[in-house]
Amino acid sequence: MLKESVMSQYKIKLLIILFYSSCLMVFLYFPRMIKFFSPTEKTLNIIIFPEMISSNILEEFSIKTGIKINAKNVETDAEVFVHIADKNTPYDIALLSDYLIPQLISKNSIAPIKKDVLSNYHLIDKIFKNNSTDRLLSKEIIYSVPYIWNIFGIGSNSAVINETEISWKSLFEPMNERICLPDEALPLCTIAALAKGYDLQKLGSTEMSAISQSLKEQKKYVEIYTDTNIPLLLVNNVIPLAYASYKTVLLSHQYNKNIQFIIPKEGGLLVTNDWVVLERSCNKKLAVEFINFCLEKENAKINEENTEFLQTNSALLSKFWNESAQKNSCPLPPAHVIKTSNHAPSNLPPQLLASLWAELKVYN
């Protein structure tokens, strides 16, 4: 009996130990077990300029797909370049200026995309499918997806500037008038190159030296370097000439009909911002799903209404290029003008542009 009593007590103690051990194991490993048996939350890490894409698009995508968007907001192309070039970058997709694409391809930083997985690629107007990076594409594979765009020219107050033909040279010899220029090195270099008649895709050290000198000489005419408040400056007659996008000038024109959008005789400057998928991304399928979502007509329309950028969607462009719209007092340049526009230099490293800009800012 004594032996049975001892064995019974031993079993009870063993059961108690097993019970508490099981509780401890559940406490320690239950979160991992839940994570193992439940679906993992999908996250897409993107690099964007916040003023180029509506937050409504990001929120709607997460609601409809359950995919969390982790957005890194940037302010310059140089910042985008640094993030993408980083070998340890956690990002999957980026929205960037098209001039960066050839440089990123050469560094194997962005992934090719098969067109057949882009279900909404057909919605993009053919003008943007044949942009300056077309030489790097094949019929089946692309490296970037044009999403938004702007055409840049000169905003001119006809009550002050009554020249019949305006050139990019007008921003370097503005008849002693004050002008407004962008606070970025790339467009400054581009318009200086156009004024000098250079081939934008073949700018070497000799051309860049001459461009730098032209920008320094031009500085005495510059009222301000800015990409914002341009309508305010034009409408209030602070400046009669400004480097500006069509939408910026259109806003100014609504308040002062003398302000016109002019494509200089050397041609306008067409800038697209494209989606690219990063080569190191482990979420390439999610990235493509997001691109397709952004290209849908309704989403593209939302983005157009909430930003200062035009969409590459053909259907949305038709409202600007129909017969009645072209008769407006400040129409968007017709499709053939857009098609023959210039493209920013694609061989200028961001570091070189940053150095030139820093030198220009301190020049007196």
Protein backbone atom coordinates (compact mmCIF):
# COMPACT_ATOMS: atom_id res chain seq x y z
CA MET A 1 0.00 0.00 0.00
CA LEU A 2 2.83 2.32 0.92
CA LYS A 3 4.49 1.67 -2.42
CA GLU A 4 1.25 2.38 -4.31
CA SER A 5 0.80 5.61 -2.33
CA VAL A 6 4.30 6.78 -3.23
CA MET A 7 3.74 5.95 -6.91
CA SER A 8 0.43 7.83 -6.87
CA GLN A 9 2.09 10.91 -5.39
CA TYR A 10 4.87 10.66 -8.00
CA LYS A 11 2.32 10.55 -10.83
CA ILE A 12 0.49 13.56 -9.43
CA LYS A 13 3.73 15.56 -9.21
CA LEU A 14 4.64 14.49 -12.76
CA LEU A 15 1.25 15.59 -14.06
CA ILE A 16 1.60 18.95 -12.28
CA ILE A 17 5.06 19.46 -13.81
CA LEU A 18 3.78 18.52 -17.26
CA PHE A 19 0.81 20.86 -16.89
CA TYR A 20 2.90 23.88 -15.95
CA SER A 21 5.50 23.04 -18.57
CA SER A 22 2.76 22.91 -21.20
CA CYS A 23 1.40 26.27 -20.03
CA LEU A 24 4.86 27.77 -20.23
CA MET A 25 5.39 26.36 -23.75
CA VAL A 26 2.06 27.73 -24.92
CA PHE A 27 2.83 31.14 -23.42
CA LEU A 28 6.23 31.29 -25.12
CA TYR A 29 5.34 29.90 -28.51
CA PHE A 30 1.66 30.74 -29.02
CA PRO A 31 2.39 33.95 -31.00
CA ARG A 32 4.68 32.01 -33.32
CA MET A 33 2.08 29.28 -33.72
CA ILE A 34 -0.58 31.85 -34.63
CA LYS A 35 1.76 33.46 -37.15
CA PHE A 36 2.57 30.03 -38.62
CA PHE A 37 -1.04 28.97 -39.12
CA SER A 38 -2.46 32.39 -40.10
CA PRO A 39 -1.70 34.18 -43.38
CA THR A 40 1.28 36.55 -43.28
CA GLU A 41 0.49 40.24 -43.87
CA LYS A 42 1.81 41.30 -47.23
CA THR A 43 3.73 44.56 -47.41
CA LEU A 44 4.91 46.55 -50.41
CA ASN A 45 7.73 49.02 -49.80
CA ILE A 46 7.68 51.91 -52.26
CA ILE A 47 9.70 55.07 -52.92
CA ILE A 48 7.62 58.04 -54.05
CA PHE A 49 7.49 61.79 -54.42
CA PRO A 50 4.38 62.48 -52.29
CA GLU A 51 3.20 65.34 -54.54
CA MET A 52 3.11 62.99 -57.54
CA ILE A 53 0.69 60.38 -56.27
CA SER A 54 -2.50 60.87 -54.30
CA SER A 55 -2.64 59.25 -50.88
CA ASN A 56 -6.14 58.09 -51.89
CA ILE A 57 -4.55 55.69 -54.37
CA LEU A 58 -2.32 54.11 -51.72
CA GLU A 59 -5.18 53.77 -49.24
CA GLU A 60 -7.60 52.32 -51.79
CA PHE A 61 -5.05 49.74 -52.92
CA SER A 62 -4.54 48.54 -49.34
CA ILE A 63 -8.29 48.35 -48.75
CA LYS A 64 -9.00 46.35 -51.91
CA THR A 65 -6.02 43.98 -51.73
CA GLY A 66 -5.14 43.77 -48.05
CA ILE A 67 -1.56 44.65 -48.98
CA LYS A 68 0.04 47.17 -46.67
CA ILE A 69 1.86 50.07 -48.34
CA ASN A 70 5.04 51.26 -46.64
CA ALA A 71 5.92 54.50 -48.44
CA LYS A 72 9.27 56.27 -48.33
CA ASN A 73 8.73 59.92 -49.28
CA VAL A 74 11.63 61.57 -51.10
CA GLU A 75 12.30 65.09 -52.39
CA THR A 76 14.98 64.67 -55.06
CA ASP A 77 16.01 62.24 -57.77
CA ALA A 78 19.43 62.03 -56.14
CA GLU A 79 17.76 60.65 -53.00
CA VAL A 80 15.87 58.09 -55.08
CA PHE A 81 19.12 57.04 -56.76
CA VAL A 82 20.87 56.51 -53.43
CA HIS A 83 18.05 54.35 -52.03
CA ILE A 84 17.88 52.16 -55.14
CA ALA A 85 21.66 51.79 -55.49
CA ASP A 86 21.96 50.60 -51.88
CA LYS A 87 22.65 46.85 -51.93
CA ASN A 88 20.65 46.42 -48.73
CA THR A 89 17.65 48.46 -49.87
CA PRO A 90 14.35 47.14 -48.48
CA TYR A 91 12.26 48.74 -51.24
CA ASP A 92 10.35 46.94 -53.96
CA ILE A 93 9.18 49.67 -56.33
CA ALA A 94 9.92 53.32 -57.06
CA LEU A 95 8.39 56.24 -58.95
CA LEU A 96 11.20 58.23 -60.56
CA SER A 97 12.13 60.58 -63.38
CA ASP A 98 12.72 58.81 -66.67
CA TYR A 99 16.23 60.24 -67.13
CA LEU A 100 17.50 58.00 -64.28
CA ILE A 101 16.38 54.76 -65.90
CA PRO A 102 19.37 54.14 -68.23
CA GLN A 103 21.79 54.69 -65.35
CA LEU A 104 19.90 52.26 -63.10
CA ILE A 105 19.72 49.64 -65.86
CA SER A 106 23.49 49.85 -66.33
CA LYS A 107 23.91 49.13 -62.62
CA ASN A 108 21.44 46.20 -62.74
CA SER A 109 19.36 47.98 -60.09
CA ILE A 110 15.94 47.63 -61.71
CA ALA A 111 14.23 44.52 -62.98
CA PRO A 112 12.85 43.95 -66.48
CA ILE A 113 9.09 43.48 -66.64
CA LYS A 114 7.28 41.27 -69.14
CA LYS A 115 4.56 43.26 -70.84
CA ASP A 116 2.12 40.36 -70.69
CA VAL A 117 1.87 40.67 -66.89
CA LEU A 118 0.93 44.36 -67.19
CA SER A 119 -2.78 43.95 -67.81
CA ASN A 120 -3.34 47.72 -68.07
CA TYR A 121 -0.28 48.62 -70.13
CA HIS A 122 -2.49 49.01 -73.21
CA LEU A 123 -4.16 52.01 -71.54
CA ILE A 124 -0.96 54.07 -71.82
CA ASP A 125 -0.82 56.44 -74.80
CA LYS A 126 1.69 55.37 -77.43
CA ILE A 127 3.55 58.69 -77.11
CA PHE A 128 4.85 57.57 -73.73
CA LYS A 129 5.56 54.01 -74.78
CA ASN A 130 8.12 55.38 -77.23
CA ASN A 131 9.96 57.72 -74.88
CA SER A 132 13.68 58.39 -74.56
CA THR A 133 14.36 55.01 -72.94
CA ASP A 134 12.82 53.07 -75.83
CA ARG A 135 16.26 52.03 -77.09
CA LEU A 136 16.60 49.93 -73.94
CA LEU A 137 13.39 47.99 -74.45
CA SER A 138 12.29 45.00 -76.48
CA LYS A 139 8.87 44.16 -77.83
CA GLU A 140 8.15 41.86 -74.89
CA ILE A 141 10.13 43.41 -72.04
CA ILE A 142 10.27 46.88 -70.52
CA TYR A 143 12.22 48.39 -67.67
CA SER A 144 9.80 51.15 -66.69
CA VAL A 145 6.11 51.96 -66.86
CA PRO A 146 5.23 55.61 -67.68
CA TYR A 147 2.70 56.81 -65.13
CA ILE A 148 2.55 60.62 -64.97
CA TRP A 149 4.04 63.38 -67.10
CA ASN A 150 4.48 67.07 -67.66
CA ILE A 151 5.37 69.19 -70.67
CA PHE A 152 7.58 72.13 -69.79
CA GLY A 153 7.94 75.35 -71.71
CA ILE A 154 7.84 79.06 -70.91
CA GLY A 155 5.08 80.91 -69.13
CA SER A 156 4.99 84.36 -70.71
CA ASN A 157 3.01 87.51 -69.96
CA SER A 158 2.12 88.84 -73.41
CA ALA A 159 1.42 92.29 -71.98
CA VAL A 160 5.14 92.59 -71.19
CA ILE A 161 6.82 90.18 -73.62
CA ASN A 162 5.37 90.72 -77.10
CA GLU A 163 7.90 88.75 -79.11
CA THR A 164 6.30 86.68 -81.85
CA GLU A 165 8.76 83.82 -81.35
CA ILE A 166 10.20 82.78 -78.02
CA SER A 167 13.32 80.66 -77.69
CA TRP A 168 14.97 79.00 -74.72
CA LYS A 169 17.55 81.72 -75.29
CA SER A 170 14.90 84.16 -74.03
CA LEU A 171 15.64 82.90 -70.52
CA PHE A 172 19.30 83.84 -70.94
CA GLU A 173 18.78 87.18 -72.67
CA PRO A 174 15.45 88.34 -71.22
CA MET A 175 15.63 92.02 -72.19
CA ASN A 176 16.53 92.95 -68.62
CA GLU A 177 13.31 91.39 -67.32
CA ARG A 178 13.28 89.25 -64.19
CA ILE A 179 12.67 85.53 -64.62
CA CYS A 180 11.76 82.47 -62.56
CA LEU A 181 13.69 79.21 -62.91
CA PRO A 182 13.46 75.76 -61.28
CA ASP A 183 15.47 74.98 -58.16
CA GLU A 184 16.85 71.78 -59.66
CA ALA A 185 20.06 71.30 -61.60
CA LEU A 186 18.74 68.91 -64.26
CA PRO A 187 16.14 71.21 -65.88
CA LEU A 188 18.56 74.14 -65.62
CA CYS A 189 21.23 72.18 -67.48
CA THR A 190 18.67 71.02 -70.01
CA ILE A 191 17.37 74.46 -70.96
CA ALA A 192 20.93 75.82 -71.10
CA ALA A 193 21.88 73.00 -73.46
CA LEU A 194 18.82 73.64 -75.62
CA ALA A 195 19.63 77.35 -75.78
CA LYS A 196 23.13 76.47 -77.00
CA GLY A 197 21.89 73.90 -79.51
CA TYR A 198 23.58 70.93 -77.85
CA ASP A 199 22.49 67.31 -78.27
CA LEU A 200 20.92 66.56 -74.90
CA GLN A 201 22.05 62.95 -74.90
CA LYS A 202 25.67 63.79 -75.69
CA LEU A 203 26.71 66.26 -73.03
CA GLY A 204 30.38 65.86 -72.21
CA SER A 205 32.76 67.80 -69.98
CA THR A 206 33.22 70.58 -72.57
CA GLU A 207 29.47 71.12 -72.93
CA MET A 208 28.90 70.94 -69.17
CA SER A 209 31.59 73.56 -68.56
CA ALA A 210 29.90 75.92 -71.04
CA ILE A 211 26.49 75.19 -69.50
CA SER A 212 27.80 75.99 -66.03
CA GLN A 213 29.15 79.32 -67.25
CA SER A 214 25.84 80.18 -68.98
CA LEU A 215 23.88 79.48 -65.82
CA LYS A 216 26.21 81.72 -63.81
CA GLU A 217 25.78 84.56 -66.31
CA GLN A 218 22.02 84.02 -66.32
CA LYS A 219 21.78 84.33 -62.54
CA LYS A 220 21.67 88.16 -62.63
CA TYR A 221 18.24 87.95 -64.29
CA VAL A 222 16.79 85.38 -61.88
CA GLU A 223 14.21 86.68 -59.43
CA ILE A 224 13.91 83.30 -57.75
CA TYR A 225 14.71 79.62 -58.24
CA THR A 226 11.54 77.75 -57.33
CA ASP A 227 9.06 75.12 -58.48
CA THR A 228 6.28 76.51 -56.30
CA ASN A 229 4.29 79.75 -56.23
CA ILE A 230 4.99 80.34 -59.94
CA PRO A 231 1.32 81.27 -60.65
CA LEU A 232 1.47 83.83 -57.86
CA LEU A 233 4.62 85.38 -59.34
CA LEU A 234 3.15 85.51 -62.85
CA VAL A 235 -0.30 86.77 -61.91
CA ASN A 236 1.08 89.53 -59.68
CA ASN A 237 3.48 90.67 -62.42
CA VAL A 238 6.56 89.94 -60.32
CA ILE A 239 8.01 88.20 -63.37
CA PRO A 240 6.94 88.11 -67.04
CA LEU A 241 8.86 84.92 -67.92
CA ALA A 242 9.13 81.58 -66.14
CA TYR A 243 10.18 78.03 -66.86
CA ALA A 244 6.98 76.16 -66.05
CA SER A 245 4.78 73.17 -66.76
CA TYR A 246 1.57 73.42 -68.75
CA LYS A 247 -0.65 72.89 -65.69
CA THR A 248 1.17 75.62 -63.77
CA VAL A 249 0.67 78.12 -66.58
CA LEU A 250 -2.95 77.03 -67.06
CA LEU A 251 -3.63 77.91 -63.42
CA SER A 252 -2.03 81.32 -63.94
CA HIS A 253 -4.02 81.88 -67.14
CA GLN A 254 -7.29 81.42 -65.26
CA TYR A 255 -6.51 84.62 -63.33
CA ASN A 256 -4.71 86.57 -66.05
CA LYS A 257 -5.51 85.86 -69.70
CA ASN A 258 -2.28 87.54 -70.81
CA ILE A 259 -0.29 84.66 -69.39
CA GLN A 260 0.30 82.03 -72.07
CA PHE A 261 2.04 78.67 -72.27
CA ILE A 262 4.63 78.77 -75.04
CA ILE A 263 6.68 75.95 -76.49
CA PRO A 264 10.03 77.51 -77.51
CA LYS A 265 11.14 77.07 -81.10
CA GLU A 266 13.73 74.46 -80.03
CA GLY A 267 10.89 72.33 -78.62
CA GLY A 268 9.44 71.70 -75.20
CA LEU A 269 10.77 69.41 -72.51
CA LEU A 270 8.79 66.24 -71.87
CA VAL A 271 9.31 64.63 -68.47
CA THR A 272 7.67 61.38 -67.42
CA ASN A 273 7.78 59.75 -64.04
CA ASP A 274 7.85 55.99 -64.33
CA TRP A 275 7.27 53.03 -62.06
CA VAL A 276 10.25 50.68 -61.83
CA VAL A 277 10.58 47.40 -59.95
CA LEU A 278 13.80 46.99 -58.02
CA GLU A 279 15.98 44.04 -58.95
CA ARG A 280 16.52 43.02 -55.30
CA SER A 281 12.81 43.00 -54.50
CA CYS A 282 11.27 39.77 -53.24
CA ASN A 283 7.80 41.14 -54.02
CA LYS A 284 7.95 41.64 -57.77
CA LYS A 285 4.48 40.18 -58.32
CA LEU A 286 2.99 42.53 -55.73
CA ALA A 287 4.81 45.44 -57.38
CA VAL A 288 3.28 44.61 -60.76
CA GLU A 289 -0.16 44.27 -59.14
CA PHE A 290 0.26 47.77 -57.70
CA ILE A 291 1.33 49.22 -61.07
CA ASN A 292 -1.72 47.71 -62.77
CA PHE A 293 -3.91 49.21 -60.06
CA CYS A 294 -2.42 52.68 -60.58
CA LEU A 295 -2.95 52.47 -64.36
CA GLU A 296 -6.68 51.73 -64.10
CA LYS A 297 -8.64 54.62 -65.59
CA GLU A 298 -10.58 55.50 -62.45
CA ASN A 299 -7.46 55.50 -60.29
CA ALA A 300 -5.52 57.49 -62.87
CA LYS A 301 -8.35 60.03 -62.90
CA ILE A 302 -8.23 60.35 -59.11
CA ASN A 303 -4.50 60.99 -59.28
CA GLU A 304 -4.88 63.62 -62.00
CA GLU A 305 -7.53 65.46 -59.99
CA ASN A 306 -5.42 65.51 -56.84
CA THR A 307 -1.97 66.36 -58.24
CA GLU A 308 -0.45 68.83 -60.70
CA PHE A 309 0.55 66.06 -63.09
CA LEU A 310 -1.03 64.72 -66.25
CA GLN A 311 -1.70 61.02 -66.69
CA THR A 312 -0.36 58.79 -69.45
CA ASN A 313 -3.82 57.23 -69.86
CA SER A 314 -5.05 57.71 -73.46
CA ALA A 315 -8.70 58.12 -72.50
CA LEU A 316 -7.92 60.89 -70.02
CA LEU A 317 -5.78 62.72 -72.57
CA SER A 318 -8.56 62.80 -75.14
CA LYS A 319 -10.33 65.57 -73.21
CA PHE A 320 -7.30 67.82 -73.76
CA TRP A 321 -6.87 66.97 -77.43
CA ASN A 322 -10.42 67.04 -78.70
CA GLU A 323 -11.40 69.83 -81.09
CA SER A 324 -13.21 72.03 -78.58
CA ALA A 325 -10.41 71.79 -75.98
CA GLN A 326 -7.83 72.81 -78.56
CA LYS A 327 -9.82 76.01 -79.20
CA ASN A 328 -9.47 77.13 -75.59
CA SER A 329 -7.42 80.25 -74.88
CA CYS A 330 -4.72 78.16 -73.19
CA PRO A 331 -4.78 74.67 -74.73
CA LEU A 332 -2.47 71.76 -74.00
CA PRO A 333 -0.04 71.48 -76.92
CA PRO A 334 -1.33 68.96 -79.49
CA ALA A 335 -0.15 65.37 -79.53
CA HIS A 336 2.34 65.84 -82.38
CA VAL A 337 4.08 68.62 -80.43
CA ILE A 338 4.31 66.43 -77.33
CA LYS A 339 5.64 63.58 -79.44
CA THR A 340 8.50 65.66 -80.85
CA SER A 341 9.47 67.23 -77.51
CA ASN A 342 12.94 66.96 -76.01
CA HIS A 343 13.90 64.56 -73.23
CA ALA A 344 16.20 65.40 -70.34
CA PRO A 345 19.81 64.14 -70.54
CA SER A 346 20.09 60.58 -69.29
CA ASN A 347 23.87 60.44 -68.84
CA LEU A 348 24.31 63.05 -66.11
CA PRO A 349 24.98 61.41 -62.71
CA PRO A 350 23.02 62.88 -59.78
CA GLN A 351 26.32 63.61 -58.02
CA LEU A 352 27.47 65.80 -60.92
CA LEU A 353 24.17 67.68 -60.96
CA ALA A 354 24.30 68.20 -57.19
CA SER A 355 27.82 69.60 -57.47
CA LEU A 356 26.84 71.99 -60.27
CA TRP A 357 23.79 73.18 -58.34
CA ALA A 358 25.82 73.79 -55.17
CA GLU A 359 28.37 75.81 -57.16
CA LEU A 360 25.64 77.88 -58.80
CA LYS A 361 23.93 78.71 -55.51
CA VAL A 362 27.06 80.28 -54.02
CA TYR A 363 28.03 82.13 -57.19
CA ASN A 364 27.68 85.92 -57.03
